[in-house]
């Protein structure tokens, strides 16, 4: 959302401070919102998947296995809730270091001879 316009502006000669701030700050609210909204949409879609047997394979058939996509989605939600959300909580290191990186970046952008397109890329 903000990352690629920032890269384009940096390559064109320099990103505005507001865009730089948005690049290093927007993920703070957007990442948890995205994870939770994906889980909610999967949960809301489960009845339709179960009713229509979407992407499910039942026995008997030549390969001799069964696959229920609704159970796969439930396990996925459990893993996202049990594995990814604690990762979001543990990513406070990123949240703590982002303002430091922003200050470093804006300080370096103001000094002559520094290319902002090479800063903050990994």
PDB file of N, CA and C in Angstrom:
ATOM      1  N   UNK A   1       0.817  -1.178   0.000  1.00  0.00           N
ATOM      2  CA  UNK A   1       0.000   0.000   0.000  1.00  0.00           C
ATOM      3  C   UNK A   1       0.874   1.260   0.000  1.00  0.00           C
ATOM      4  N   UNK A   2       1.870   1.294   0.845  1.00  0.00           N
ATOM      5  CA  UNK A   2       2.739   2.469   0.934  1.00  0.00           C
ATOM      6  C   UNK A   2       4.145   2.133   0.458  1.00  0.00           C
ATOM      7  N   UNK A   3       4.505   0.882   0.537  1.00  0.00           N
ATOM      8  CA  UNK A   3       5.875   0.474   0.254  1.00  0.00           C
ATOM      9  C   UNK A   3       6.324   0.812  -1.166  1.00  0.00           C
ATOM     10  N   UNK A   4       5.533   0.445  -2.147  1.00  0.00           N
ATOM     11  CA  UNK A   4       5.956   0.646  -3.537  1.00  0.00           C
ATOM     12  C   UNK A   4       5.932   2.104  -3.970  1.00  0.00           C
ATOM     13  N   UNK A   5       4.944   2.903  -3.572  1.00  0.00           N
ATOM     14  CA  UNK A   5       5.074   4.337  -3.880  1.00  0.00           C
ATOM     15  C   UNK A   5       6.312   4.957  -3.228  1.00  0.00           C
ATOM     16  N   UNK A   6       6.675   4.477  -2.025  1.00  0.00           N
ATOM     17  CA  UNK A   6       7.873   4.990  -1.371  1.00  0.00           C
ATOM     18  C   UNK A   6       9.109   4.640  -2.187  1.00  0.00           C
ATOM     19  N   UNK A   7       9.186   3.377  -2.665  1.00  0.00           N
ATOM     20  CA  UNK A   7      10.320   2.981  -3.505  1.00  0.00           C
ATOM     21  C   UNK A   7      10.368   3.810  -4.786  1.00  0.00           C
ATOM     22  N   UNK A   8       9.235   4.001  -5.416  1.00  0.00           N
ATOM     23  CA  UNK A   8       9.201   4.782  -6.658  1.00  0.00           C
ATOM     24  C   UNK A   8       9.643   6.218  -6.406  1.00  0.00           C
ATOM     25  N   UNK A   9       9.139   6.815  -5.329  1.00  0.00           N
ATOM     26  CA  UNK A   9       9.527   8.194  -5.013  1.00  0.00           C
ATOM     27  C   UNK A   9      11.005   8.274  -4.668  1.00  0.00           C
ATOM     28  N   UNK A  10      11.530   7.263  -3.992  1.00  0.00           N
ATOM     29  CA  UNK A  10      12.955   7.256  -3.647  1.00  0.00           C
ATOM     30  C   UNK A  10      13.810   7.166  -4.900  1.00  0.00           C
ATOM     31  N   UNK A  11      13.399   6.345  -5.836  1.00  0.00           N
ATOM     32  CA  UNK A  11      14.149   6.218  -7.078  1.00  0.00           C
ATOM     33  C   UNK A  11      14.054   7.473  -7.931  1.00  0.00           C
ATOM     34  N   UNK A  12      12.939   8.191  -7.797  1.00  0.00           N
ATOM     35  CA  UNK A  12      12.746   9.408  -8.576  1.00  0.00           C
ATOM     36  C   UNK A  12      13.484  10.609  -7.982  1.00  0.00           C
ATOM     37  N   UNK A  13      14.068  10.431  -6.818  1.00  0.00           N
ATOM     38  CA  UNK A  13      14.828  11.549  -6.279  1.00  0.00           C
ATOM     39  C   UNK A  13      14.601  11.809  -4.810  1.00  0.00           C
ATOM     40  N   UNK A  14      13.666  11.179  -4.206  1.00  0.00           N
ATOM     41  CA  UNK A  14      13.457  11.368  -2.767  1.00  0.00           C
ATOM     42  C   UNK A  14      11.991  11.280  -2.406  1.00  0.00           C
ATOM     43  N   UNK A  15      11.738  10.513  -1.387  1.00  0.00           N
ATOM     44  CA  UNK A  15      10.368  10.347  -0.923  1.00  0.00           C
ATOM     45  C   UNK A  15      10.023  11.464   0.053  1.00  0.00           C
ATOM     46  N   UNK A  16       8.811  11.979  -0.009  1.00  0.00           N
ATOM     47  CA  UNK A  16       8.400  12.986   0.973  1.00  0.00           C
ATOM     48  C   UNK A  16       8.407  12.390   2.385  1.00  0.00           C
ATOM     49  N   UNK A  17       8.622  13.241   3.364  1.00  0.00           N
ATOM     50  CA  UNK A  17       8.675  12.767   4.744  1.00  0.00           C
ATOM     51  C   UNK A  17       7.376  12.090   5.163  1.00  0.00           C
ATOM     52  N   UNK A  18       6.253  12.573   4.692  1.00  0.00           N
ATOM     53  CA  UNK A  18       4.975  11.966   5.057  1.00  0.00           C
ATOM     54  C   UNK A  18       4.883  10.533   4.532  1.00  0.00           C
ATOM     55  N   UNK A  19       5.379  10.312   3.333  1.00  0.00           N
ATOM     56  CA  UNK A  19       5.357   8.967   2.752  1.00  0.00           C
ATOM     57  C   UNK A  19       6.341   8.054   3.485  1.00  0.00           C
ATOM     58  N   UNK A  20       7.478   8.595   3.866  1.00  0.00           N
ATOM     59  CA  UNK A  20       8.444   7.815   4.639  1.00  0.00           C
ATOM     60  C   UNK A  20       7.853   7.448   5.994  1.00  0.00           C
ATOM     61  N   UNK A  21       7.211   8.388   6.637  1.00  0.00           N
ATOM     62  CA  UNK A  21       6.568   8.117   7.924  1.00  0.00           C
ATOM     63  C   UNK A  21       5.489   7.048   7.752  1.00  0.00           C
ATOM     64  N   UNK A  22       4.683   7.169   6.714  1.00  0.00           N
ATOM     65  CA  UNK A  22       3.614   6.193   6.483  1.00  0.00           C
ATOM     66  C   UNK A  22       4.186   4.805   6.217  1.00  0.00           C
ATOM     67  N   UNK A  23       5.313   4.734   5.502  1.00  0.00           N
ATOM     68  CA  UNK A  23       5.914   3.430   5.204  1.00  0.00           C
ATOM     69  C   UNK A  23       6.328   2.709   6.474  1.00  0.00           C
ATOM     70  N   UNK A  24       6.869   3.424   7.431  1.00  0.00           N
ATOM     71  CA  UNK A  24       7.351   2.793   8.646  1.00  0.00           C
ATOM     72  C   UNK A  24       6.324   2.762   9.758  1.00  0.00           C
ATOM     73  N   UNK A  25       5.146   3.314   9.547  1.00  0.00           N
ATOM     74  CA  UNK A  25       4.129   3.340  10.595  1.00  0.00           C
ATOM     75  C   UNK A  25       2.846   2.609  10.227  1.00  0.00           C
ATOM     76  N   UNK A  26       2.541   2.469   8.957  1.00  0.00           N
ATOM     77  CA  UNK A  26       1.248   1.922   8.541  1.00  0.00           C
ATOM     78  C   UNK A  26       1.070   0.459   8.937  1.00  0.00           C
ATOM     79  N   UNK A  27       2.166  -0.304   8.999  1.00  0.00           N
ATOM     80  CA  UNK A  27       2.015  -1.726   9.302  1.00  0.00           C
ATOM     81  C   UNK A  27       1.582  -1.956  10.741  1.00  0.00           C
ATOM     82  N   UNK A  28       1.810  -0.988  11.625  1.00  0.00           N
ATOM     83  CA  UNK A  28       1.442  -1.182  13.030  1.00  0.00           C
ATOM     84  C   UNK A  28      -0.042  -1.518  13.192  1.00  0.00           C
ATOM     85  N   UNK A  29      -0.962  -0.748  12.629  1.00  0.00           N
ATOM     86  CA  UNK A  29      -2.365  -1.146  12.747  1.00  0.00           C
ATOM     87  C   UNK A  29      -2.819  -2.111  11.651  1.00  0.00           C
ATOM     88  N   UNK A  30      -2.204  -2.041  10.467  1.00  0.00           N
ATOM     89  CA  UNK A  30      -2.721  -2.815   9.340  1.00  0.00           C
ATOM     90  C   UNK A  30      -2.433  -4.306   9.439  1.00  0.00           C
ATOM     91  N   UNK A  31      -1.294  -4.700   9.970  1.00  0.00           N
ATOM     92  CA  UNK A  31      -0.947  -6.118  10.026  1.00  0.00           C
ATOM     93  C   UNK A  31      -1.902  -6.905  10.927  1.00  0.00           C
ATOM     94  N   UNK A  32      -2.129  -6.484  12.174  1.00  0.00           N
ATOM     95  CA  UNK A  32      -3.091  -7.230  13.005  1.00  0.00           C
ATOM     96  C   UNK A  32      -4.510  -7.177  12.444  1.00  0.00           C
ATOM     97  N   UNK A  33      -4.897  -6.048  11.868  1.00  0.00           N
ATOM     98  CA  UNK A  33      -6.230  -5.952  11.276  1.00  0.00           C
ATOM     99  C   UNK A  33      -6.369  -6.940  10.127  1.00  0.00           C
ATOM    100  N   UNK A  34      -5.338  -7.068   9.313  1.00  0.00           N
ATOM    101  CA  UNK A  34      -5.381  -8.005   8.191  1.00  0.00           C
ATOM    102  C   UNK A  34      -5.483  -9.445   8.640  1.00  0.00           C
ATOM    103  N   UNK A  35      -4.709  -9.824   9.653  1.00  0.00           N
ATOM    104  CA  UNK A  35      -4.741 -11.202  10.146  1.00  0.00           C
ATOM    105  C   UNK A  35      -6.115 -11.527  10.728  1.00  0.00           C
ATOM    106  N   UNK A  36      -6.630 -10.647  11.567  1.00  0.00           N
ATOM    107  CA  UNK A  36      -7.928 -10.895  12.201  1.00  0.00           C
ATOM    108  C   UNK A  36      -9.052 -10.898  11.170  1.00  0.00           C
ATOM    109  N   UNK A  37      -9.002 -10.013  10.189  1.00  0.00           N
ATOM    110  CA  UNK A  37     -10.073  -9.989   9.182  1.00  0.00           C
ATOM    111  C   UNK A  37     -10.049 -11.239   8.311  1.00  0.00           C
ATOM    112  N   UNK A  38      -8.856 -11.761   7.997  1.00  0.00           N
ATOM    113  CA  UNK A  38      -8.794 -13.013   7.231  1.00  0.00           C
ATOM    114  C   UNK A  38      -9.387 -14.163   8.025  1.00  0.00           C
ATOM    115  N   UNK A  39      -9.082 -14.225   9.315  1.00  0.00           N
ATOM    116  CA  UNK A  39      -9.652 -15.279  10.151  1.00  0.00           C
ATOM    117  C   UNK A  39     -11.168 -15.152  10.214  1.00  0.00           C
ATOM    118  N   UNK A  40     -11.674 -13.941  10.341  1.00  0.00           N
ATOM    119  CA  UNK A  40     -13.117 -13.716  10.416  1.00  0.00           C
ATOM    120  C   UNK A  40     -13.800 -14.135   9.111  1.00  0.00           C
ATOM    121  N   UNK A  41     -13.209 -13.798   7.981  1.00  0.00           N
ATOM    122  CA  UNK A  41     -13.802 -14.169   6.695  1.00  0.00           C
ATOM    123  C   UNK A  41     -13.806 -15.679   6.485  1.00  0.00           C
ATOM    124  N   UNK A  42     -12.754 -16.339   6.908  1.00  0.00           N
ATOM    125  CA  UNK A  42     -12.726 -17.808   6.822  1.00  0.00           C
ATOM    126  C   UNK A  42     -13.828 -18.388   7.699  1.00  0.00           C
ATOM    127  N   UNK A  43     -13.959 -17.874   8.901  1.00  0.00           N
ATOM    128  CA  UNK A  43     -14.997 -18.351   9.820  1.00  0.00           C
ATOM    129  C   UNK A  43     -16.390 -18.139   9.243  1.00  0.00           C
ATOM    130  N   UNK A  44     -16.628 -16.966   8.661  1.00  0.00           N
ATOM    131  CA  UNK A  44     -17.948 -16.673   8.084  1.00  0.00           C
ATOM    132  C   UNK A  44     -18.222 -17.515   6.843  1.00  0.00           C
ATOM    133  N   UNK A  45     -17.196 -17.955   6.140  1.00  0.00           N
ATOM    134  CA  UNK A  45     -17.382 -18.757   4.942  1.00  0.00           C
ATOM    135  C   UNK A  45     -17.515 -20.246   5.199  1.00  0.00           C
ATOM    136  N   UNK A  46     -17.242 -20.690   6.429  1.00  0.00           N
ATOM    137  CA  UNK A  46     -17.291 -22.121   6.735  1.00  0.00           C
ATOM    138  C   UNK A  46     -18.643 -22.779   6.448  1.00  0.00           C
ATOM    139  N   UNK A  47     -19.776 -22.174   6.819  1.00  0.00           N
ATOM    140  CA  UNK A  47     -21.060 -22.841   6.531  1.00  0.00           C
ATOM    141  C   UNK A  47     -21.278 -23.085   5.032  1.00  0.00           C
ATOM    142  N   UNK A  48     -20.926 -22.138   4.194  1.00  0.00           N
ATOM    143  CA  UNK A  48     -21.110 -22.315   2.749  1.00  0.00           C
ATOM    144  C   UNK A  48     -20.175 -23.394   2.217  1.00  0.00           C
ATOM    145  N   UNK A  49     -18.953 -23.437   2.707  1.00  0.00           N
ATOM    146  CA  UNK A  49     -17.998 -24.456   2.268  1.00  0.00           C
ATOM    147  C   UNK A  49     -18.496 -25.834   2.685  1.00  0.00           C
ATOM    148  N   UNK A  50     -18.983 -25.931   3.916  1.00  0.00           N
ATOM    149  CA  UNK A  50     -19.453 -27.211   4.423  1.00  0.00           C
ATOM    150  C   UNK A  50     -20.707 -27.672   3.678  1.00  0.00           C
ATOM    151  N   UNK A  51     -21.628 -26.759   3.439  1.00  0.00           N
ATOM    152  CA  UNK A  51     -22.891 -27.109   2.778  1.00  0.00           C
ATOM    153  C   UNK A  51     -22.661 -27.566   1.341  1.00  0.00           C
ATOM    154  N   UNK A  52     -21.796 -26.890   0.622  1.00  0.00           N
ATOM    155  CA  UNK A  52     -21.567 -27.213  -0.792  1.00  0.00           C
ATOM    156  C   UNK A  52     -20.455 -28.235  -1.004  1.00  0.00           C
ATOM    157  N   UNK A  53     -19.769 -28.604   0.073  1.00  0.00           N
ATOM    158  CA  UNK A  53     -18.641 -29.536  -0.017  1.00  0.00           C
ATOM    159  C   UNK A  53     -17.578 -29.027  -1.009  1.00  0.00           C
ATOM    160  N   UNK A  54     -17.304 -27.732  -0.945  1.00  0.00           N
ATOM    161  CA  UNK A  54     -16.334 -27.122  -1.849  1.00  0.00           C
ATOM    162  C   UNK A  54     -14.932 -27.687  -1.604  1.00  0.00           C
ATOM    163  N   UNK A  55     -14.246 -28.011  -2.649  1.00  0.00           N
ATOM    164  CA  UNK A  55     -12.860 -28.503  -2.618  1.00  0.00           C
ATOM    165  C   UNK A  55     -12.685 -29.716  -1.712  1.00  0.00           C
ATOM    166  N   UNK A  56     -13.744 -30.473  -1.479  1.00  0.00           N
ATOM    167  CA  UNK A  56     -13.686 -31.654  -0.634  1.00  0.00           C
ATOM    168  C   UNK A  56     -13.723 -32.907  -1.496  1.00  0.00           C
ATOM    169  N   UNK A  57     -13.069 -33.938  -1.019  1.00  0.00           N
ATOM    170  CA  UNK A  57     -13.042 -35.227  -1.709  1.00  0.00           C
ATOM    171  C   UNK A  57     -13.547 -36.261  -0.720  1.00  0.00           C
ATOM    172  N   UNK A  58     -14.563 -37.033  -1.110  1.00  0.00           N
ATOM    173  CA  UNK A  58     -15.098 -38.053  -0.207  1.00  0.00           C
ATOM    174  C   UNK A  58     -14.846 -39.442  -0.779  1.00  0.00           C
ATOM    175  N   UNK A  59     -14.904 -40.420   0.099  1.00  0.00           N
ATOM    176  CA  UNK A  59     -14.716 -41.812  -0.310  1.00  0.00           C
ATOM    177  C   UNK A  59     -16.032 -42.351  -0.848  1.00  0.00           C
ATOM    178  N   UNK A  60     -16.077 -43.340  -1.645  1.00  0.00           N
ATOM    179  CA  UNK A  60     -14.952 -44.021  -2.281  1.00  0.00           C
ATOM    180  C   UNK A  60     -14.550 -43.329  -3.578  1.00  0.00           C
ATOM    181  N   UNK A  61     -13.305 -43.421  -3.891  1.00  0.00           N
ATOM    182  CA  UNK A  61     -12.771 -42.974  -5.173  1.00  0.00           C
ATOM    183  C   UNK A  61     -11.430 -43.662  -5.387  1.00  0.00           C
ATOM    184  N   UNK A  62     -10.844 -43.569  -6.565  1.00  0.00           N
ATOM    185  CA  UNK A  62      -9.652 -44.366  -6.899  1.00  0.00           C
ATOM    186  C   UNK A  62      -8.430 -44.125  -5.999  1.00  0.00           C
ATOM    187  N   UNK A  63      -8.278 -42.937  -5.449  1.00  0.00           N
ATOM    188  CA  UNK A  63      -7.070 -42.656  -4.669  1.00  0.00           C
ATOM    189  C   UNK A  63      -7.207 -43.079  -3.212  1.00  0.00           C
ATOM    190  N   UNK A  64      -8.414 -43.400  -2.770  1.00  0.00           N
ATOM    191  CA  UNK A  64      -8.674 -43.964  -1.456  1.00  0.00           C
ATOM    192  C   UNK A  64      -8.250 -43.041  -0.302  1.00  0.00           C
ATOM    193  N   UNK A  65      -8.620 -41.780  -0.383  1.00  0.00           N
ATOM    194  CA  UNK A  65      -8.441 -40.876   0.749  1.00  0.00           C
ATOM    195  C   UNK A  65      -9.586 -39.867   0.735  1.00  0.00           C
ATOM    196  N   UNK A  66      -9.823 -39.273   1.878  1.00  0.00           N
ATOM    197  CA  UNK A  66     -10.871 -38.261   1.999  1.00  0.00           C
ATOM    198  C   UNK A  66     -10.228 -36.951   2.439  1.00  0.00           C
ATOM    199  N   UNK A  67     -10.787 -35.862   1.969  1.00  0.00           N
ATOM    200  CA  UNK A  67     -10.295 -34.536   2.337  1.00  0.00           C
ATOM    201  C   UNK A  67     -11.500 -33.631   2.498  1.00  0.00           C
ATOM    202  N   UNK A  68     -11.627 -33.037   3.666  1.00  0.00           N
ATOM    203  CA  UNK A  68     -12.728 -32.109   3.932  1.00  0.00           C
ATOM    204  C   UNK A  68     -12.140 -30.702   4.070  1.00  0.00           C
ATOM    205  N   UNK A  69     -12.447 -29.856   3.100  1.00  0.00           N
ATOM    206  CA  UNK A  69     -11.877 -28.517   3.060  1.00  0.00           C
ATOM    207  C   UNK A  69     -12.325 -27.670   4.246  1.00  0.00           C
ATOM    208  N   UNK A  70     -13.541 -27.883   4.743  1.00  0.00           N
ATOM    209  CA  UNK A  70     -13.998 -27.094   5.890  1.00  0.00           C
ATOM    210  C   UNK A  70     -13.145 -27.388   7.120  1.00  0.00           C
ATOM    211  N   UNK A  71     -12.754 -28.658   7.326  1.00  0.00           N
ATOM    212  CA  UNK A  71     -11.864 -28.972   8.441  1.00  0.00           C
ATOM    213  C   UNK A  71     -10.479 -28.365   8.225  1.00  0.00           C
ATOM    214  N   UNK A  72     -10.034 -28.370   7.000  1.00  0.00           N
ATOM    215  CA  UNK A  72      -8.750 -27.736   6.684  1.00  0.00           C
ATOM    216  C   UNK A  72      -8.794 -26.246   7.040  1.00  0.00           C
ATOM    217  N   UNK A  73      -9.905 -25.573   6.721  1.00  0.00           N
ATOM    218  CA  UNK A  73     -10.034 -24.155   7.049  1.00  0.00           C
ATOM    219  C   UNK A  73     -10.076 -23.936   8.557  1.00  0.00           C
ATOM    220  N   UNK A  74     -10.767 -24.824   9.282  1.00  0.00           N
ATOM    221  CA  UNK A  74     -10.818 -24.690  10.737  1.00  0.00           C
ATOM    222  C   UNK A  74      -9.428 -24.864  11.350  1.00  0.00           C
ATOM    223  N   UNK A  75      -8.675 -25.840  10.865  1.00  0.00           N
ATOM    224  CA  UNK A  75      -7.307 -26.041  11.358  1.00  0.00           C
ATOM    225  C   UNK A  75      -6.441 -24.840  11.001  1.00  0.00           C
ATOM    226  N   UNK A  76      -6.644 -24.284   9.809  1.00  0.00           N
ATOM    227  CA  UNK A  76      -5.886 -23.098   9.405  1.00  0.00           C
ATOM    228  C   UNK A  76      -6.169 -21.926  10.334  1.00  0.00           C
ATOM    229  N   UNK A  77      -7.449 -21.725  10.668  1.00  0.00           N
ATOM    230  CA  UNK A  77      -7.796 -20.644  11.600  1.00  0.00           C
ATOM    231  C   UNK A  77      -7.168 -20.882  12.962  1.00  0.00           C
ATOM    232  N   UNK A  78      -7.180 -22.131  13.413  1.00  0.00           N
ATOM    233  CA  UNK A  78      -6.562 -22.460  14.699  1.00  0.00           C
ATOM    234  C   UNK A  78      -5.069 -22.156  14.665  1.00  0.00           C
ATOM    235  N   UNK A  79      -4.415 -22.540  13.578  1.00  0.00           N
ATOM    236  CA  UNK A  79      -2.985 -22.282  13.474  1.00  0.00           C
ATOM    237  C   UNK A  79      -2.689 -20.795  13.386  1.00  0.00           C
ATOM    238  N   UNK A  80      -3.518 -20.067  12.639  1.00  0.00           N
ATOM    239  CA  UNK A  80      -3.313 -18.620  12.555  1.00  0.00           C
ATOM    240  C   UNK A  80      -3.508 -17.998  13.924  1.00  0.00           C
ATOM    241  N   UNK A  81      -4.563 -18.406  14.629  1.00  0.00           N
ATOM    242  CA  UNK A  81      -4.820 -17.865  15.961  1.00  0.00           C
ATOM    243  C   UNK A  81      -3.800 -18.314  16.979  1.00  0.00           C
ATOM    244  N   UNK A  82      -3.312 -19.536  16.842  1.00  0.00           N
ATOM    245  CA  UNK A  82      -2.383 -20.066  17.821  1.00  0.00           C
ATOM    246  C   UNK A  82      -0.923 -19.831  17.502  1.00  0.00           C
ATOM    247  N   UNK A  83      -0.616 -19.612  16.238  1.00  0.00           N
ATOM    248  CA  UNK A  83       0.785 -19.462  15.838  1.00  0.00           C
ATOM    249  C   UNK A  83       1.081 -18.041  15.352  1.00  0.00           C
ATOM    250  N   UNK A  84       0.275 -17.521  14.433  1.00  0.00           N
ATOM    251  CA  UNK A  84       0.579 -16.205  13.863  1.00  0.00           C
ATOM    252  C   UNK A  84       0.264 -15.050  14.811  1.00  0.00           C
ATOM    253  N   UNK A  85      -0.861 -15.126  15.520  1.00  0.00           N
ATOM    254  CA  UNK A  85      -1.184 -14.010  16.413  1.00  0.00           C
ATOM    255  C   UNK A  85      -0.168 -13.852  17.535  1.00  0.00           C
ATOM    256  N   UNK A  86       0.316 -14.945  18.160  1.00  0.00           N
ATOM    257  CA  UNK A  86       1.414 -14.742  19.112  1.00  0.00           C
ATOM    258  C   UNK A  86       2.660 -14.161  18.444  1.00  0.00           C
ATOM    259  N   UNK A  87       2.873 -14.503  17.165  1.00  0.00           N
ATOM    260  CA  UNK A  87       3.998 -13.917  16.439  1.00  0.00           C
ATOM    261  C   UNK A  87       3.805 -12.412  16.301  1.00  0.00           C
ATOM    262  N   UNK A  88       2.568 -11.987  16.056  1.00  0.00           N
ATOM    263  CA  UNK A  88       2.294 -10.549  15.981  1.00  0.00           C
ATOM    264  C   UNK A  88       2.602  -9.915  17.329  1.00  0.00           C
ATOM    265  N   UNK A  89       2.203 -10.596  18.409  1.00  0.00           N
ATOM    266  CA  UNK A  89       2.487 -10.078  19.740  1.00  0.00           C
ATOM    267  C   UNK A  89       3.994 -10.020  19.983  1.00  0.00           C
ATOM    268  N   UNK A  90       4.710 -11.051  19.520  1.00  0.00           N
ATOM    269  CA  UNK A  90       6.150 -11.096  19.727  1.00  0.00           C
ATOM    270  C   UNK A  90       6.920 -10.194  18.777  1.00  0.00           C
ATOM    271  N   UNK A  91       6.249  -9.642  17.792  1.00  0.00           N
ATOM    272  CA  UNK A  91       6.937  -8.776  16.844  1.00  0.00           C
ATOM    273  C   UNK A  91       7.089  -7.363  17.380  1.00  0.00           C
ATOM    274  N   UNK A  92       6.953  -7.214  18.692  1.00  0.00           N
ATOM    275  CA  UNK A  92       7.148  -5.894  19.282  1.00  0.00           C
ATOM    276  C   UNK A  92       8.560  -5.381  19.040  1.00  0.00           C
ATOM    277  N   UNK A  93       9.495  -6.291  18.799  1.00  0.00           N
ATOM    278  CA  UNK A  93      10.865  -5.879  18.460  1.00  0.00           C
ATOM    279  C   UNK A  93      10.856  -5.028  17.192  1.00  0.00           C
ATOM    280  N   UNK A  94      10.073  -5.452  16.208  1.00  0.00           N
ATOM    281  CA  UNK A  94       9.945  -4.674  14.976  1.00  0.00           C
ATOM    282  C   UNK A  94       9.296  -3.332  15.284  1.00  0.00           C
ATOM    283  N   UNK A  95       8.254  -3.357  16.116  1.00  0.00           N
ATOM    284  CA  UNK A  95       7.560  -2.121  16.464  1.00  0.00           C
ATOM    285  C   UNK A  95       8.469  -1.157  17.217  1.00  0.00           C
ATOM    286  N   UNK A  96       9.337  -1.703  18.080  1.00  0.00           N
ATOM    287  CA  UNK A  96      10.259  -0.831  18.826  1.00  0.00           C
ATOM    288  C   UNK A  96      11.353  -0.273  17.932  1.00  0.00           C
ATOM    289  N   UNK A  97      11.808  -1.042  16.959  1.00  0.00           N
ATOM    290  CA  UNK A  97      12.916  -0.600  16.117  1.00  0.00           C
ATOM    291  C   UNK A  97      12.486   0.276  14.953  1.00  0.00           C
ATOM    292  N   UNK A  98      11.224   0.237  14.582  1.00  0.00           N
ATOM    293  CA  UNK A  98      10.768   1.022  13.443  1.00  0.00           C
ATOM    294  C   UNK A  98      10.959   2.526  13.642  1.00  0.00           C
ATOM    295  N   UNK A  99      10.604   3.099  14.789  1.00  0.00           N
ATOM    296  CA  UNK A  99      10.867   4.539  14.962  1.00  0.00           C
ATOM    297  C   UNK A  99      12.355   4.883  14.897  1.00  0.00           C
ATOM    298  N   UNK A 100      13.212   3.987  15.433  1.00  0.00           N
ATOM    299  CA  UNK A 100      14.659   4.236  15.355  1.00  0.00           C
ATOM    300  C   UNK A 100      15.118   4.249  13.902  1.00  0.00           C
ATOM    301  N   UNK A 101      14.617   3.299  13.109  1.00  0.00           N
ATOM    302  CA  UNK A 101      14.981   3.241  11.699  1.00  0.00           C
ATOM    303  C   UNK A 101      14.471   4.475  10.965  1.00  0.00           C
ATOM    304  N   UNK A 102      13.260   4.916  11.299  1.00  0.00           N
ATOM    305  CA  UNK A 102      12.699   6.120  10.677  1.00  0.00           C
ATOM    306  C   UNK A 102      13.567   7.334  10.988  1.00  0.00           C
ATOM    307  N   UNK A 103      13.962   7.490  12.258  1.00  0.00           N
ATOM    308  CA  UNK A 103      14.810   8.630  12.626  1.00  0.00           C
ATOM    309  C   UNK A 103      16.157   8.558  11.909  1.00  0.00           C
ATOM    310  N   UNK A 104      16.717   7.353  11.847  1.00  0.00           N
ATOM    311  CA  UNK A 104      17.987   7.176  11.149  1.00  0.00           C
ATOM    312  C   UNK A 104      17.834   7.518   9.671  1.00  0.00           C
ATOM    313  N   UNK A 105      16.751   7.062   9.072  1.00  0.00           N
ATOM    314  CA  UNK A 105      16.508   7.301   7.657  1.00  0.00           C
ATOM    315  C   UNK A 105      16.333   8.782   7.370  1.00  0.00           C
ATOM    316  N   UNK A 106      15.530   9.467   8.166  1.00  0.00           N
ATOM    317  CA  UNK A 106      15.306  10.890   7.903  1.00  0.00           C
ATOM    318  C   UNK A 106      16.566  11.702   8.172  1.00  0.00           C
ATOM    319  N   UNK A 107      17.373  11.277   9.133  1.00  0.00           N
ATOM    320  CA  UNK A 107      18.640  11.965   9.407  1.00  0.00           C
ATOM    321  C   UNK A 107      19.602  11.775   8.234  1.00  0.00           C
ATOM    322  N   UNK A 108      19.649  10.546   7.696  1.00  0.00           N
ATOM    323  CA  UNK A 108      20.546  10.278   6.575  1.00  0.00           C
ATOM    324  C   UNK A 108      20.063  10.943   5.294  1.00  0.00           C
ATOM    325  N   UNK A 109      18.735  11.055   5.126  1.00  0.00           N
ATOM    326  CA  UNK A 109      18.214  11.720   3.919  1.00  0.00           C
ATOM    327  C   UNK A 109      18.606  13.183   3.885  1.00  0.00           C
ATOM    328  N   UNK A 110      18.728  13.784   5.061  1.00  0.00           N
ATOM    329  CA  UNK A 110      19.071  15.203   5.108  1.00  0.00           C
ATOM    330  C   UNK A 110      20.552  15.441   4.853  1.00  0.00           C
ATOM    331  N   UNK A 111      21.381  14.415   5.111  1.00  0.00           N
ATOM    332  CA  UNK A 111      22.816  14.608   4.869  1.00  0.00           C
ATOM    333  C   UNK A 111      23.128  14.430   3.399  1.00  0.00           C
ATOM    334  N   UNK A 112      24.055  15.214   2.839  1.00  0.00           N
ATOM    335  CA  UNK A 112      24.361  15.113   1.406  1.00  0.00           C
ATOM    336  C   UNK A 112      25.072  13.810   1.072  1.00  0.00           C
ATOM    337  N   UNK A 113      24.833  13.334  -0.141  1.00  0.00           N
ATOM    338  CA  UNK A 113      25.519  12.161  -0.642  1.00  0.00           C
ATOM    339  C   UNK A 113      24.901  10.838  -0.219  1.00  0.00           C
ATOM    340  N   UNK A 114      23.711  10.846   0.340  1.00  0.00           N
ATOM    341  CA  UNK A 114      23.057   9.614   0.783  1.00  0.00           C
ATOM    342  C   UNK A 114      21.906   9.303  -0.159  1.00  0.00           C
ATOM    343  N   UNK A 115      21.847   8.084  -0.589  1.00  0.00           N
ATOM    344  CA  UNK A 115      20.760   7.669  -1.479  1.00  0.00           C
ATOM    345  C   UNK A 115      19.659   7.019  -0.656  1.00  0.00           C
ATOM    346  N   UNK A 116      18.464   7.604  -0.600  1.00  0.00           N
ATOM    347  CA  UNK A 116      17.386   7.023   0.204  1.00  0.00           C
ATOM    348  C   UNK A 116      16.871   5.710  -0.381  1.00  0.00           C
ATOM    349  N   UNK A 117      17.128   5.428  -1.647  1.00  0.00           N
ATOM    350  CA  UNK A 117      16.603   4.193  -2.227  1.00  0.00           C
ATOM    351  C   UNK A 117      17.327   2.968  -1.690  1.00  0.00           C
ATOM    352  N   UNK A 118      18.508   3.134  -1.109  1.00  0.00           N
ATOM    353  CA  UNK A 118      19.237   1.998  -0.555  1.00  0.00           C
ATOM    354  C   UNK A 118      18.997   1.821   0.933  1.00  0.00           C
ATOM    355  N   UNK A 119      18.305   2.747   1.558  1.00  0.00           N
ATOM    356  CA  UNK A 119      18.068   2.664   2.989  1.00  0.00           C
ATOM    357  C   UNK A 119      16.790   1.905   3.271  1.00  0.00           C
ATOM    358  N   UNK A 120      16.802   1.111   4.296  1.00  0.00           N
ATOM    359  CA  UNK A 120      15.601   0.424   4.744  1.00  0.00           C
ATOM    360  C   UNK A 120      15.204  -0.757   3.876  1.00  0.00           C
ATOM    361  N   UNK A 121      16.019  -1.157   2.928  1.00  0.00           N
ATOM    362  CA  UNK A 121      15.678  -2.308   2.110  1.00  0.00           C
ATOM    363  C   UNK A 121      16.334  -3.531   2.701  1.00  0.00           C
ATOM    364  N   UNK A 122      15.600  -4.619   2.697  1.00  0.00           N
ATOM    365  CA  UNK A 122      16.175  -5.873   3.182  1.00  0.00           C
ATOM    366  C   UNK A 122      15.613  -7.035   2.428  1.00  0.00           C
TER     367      UNK A 122
END
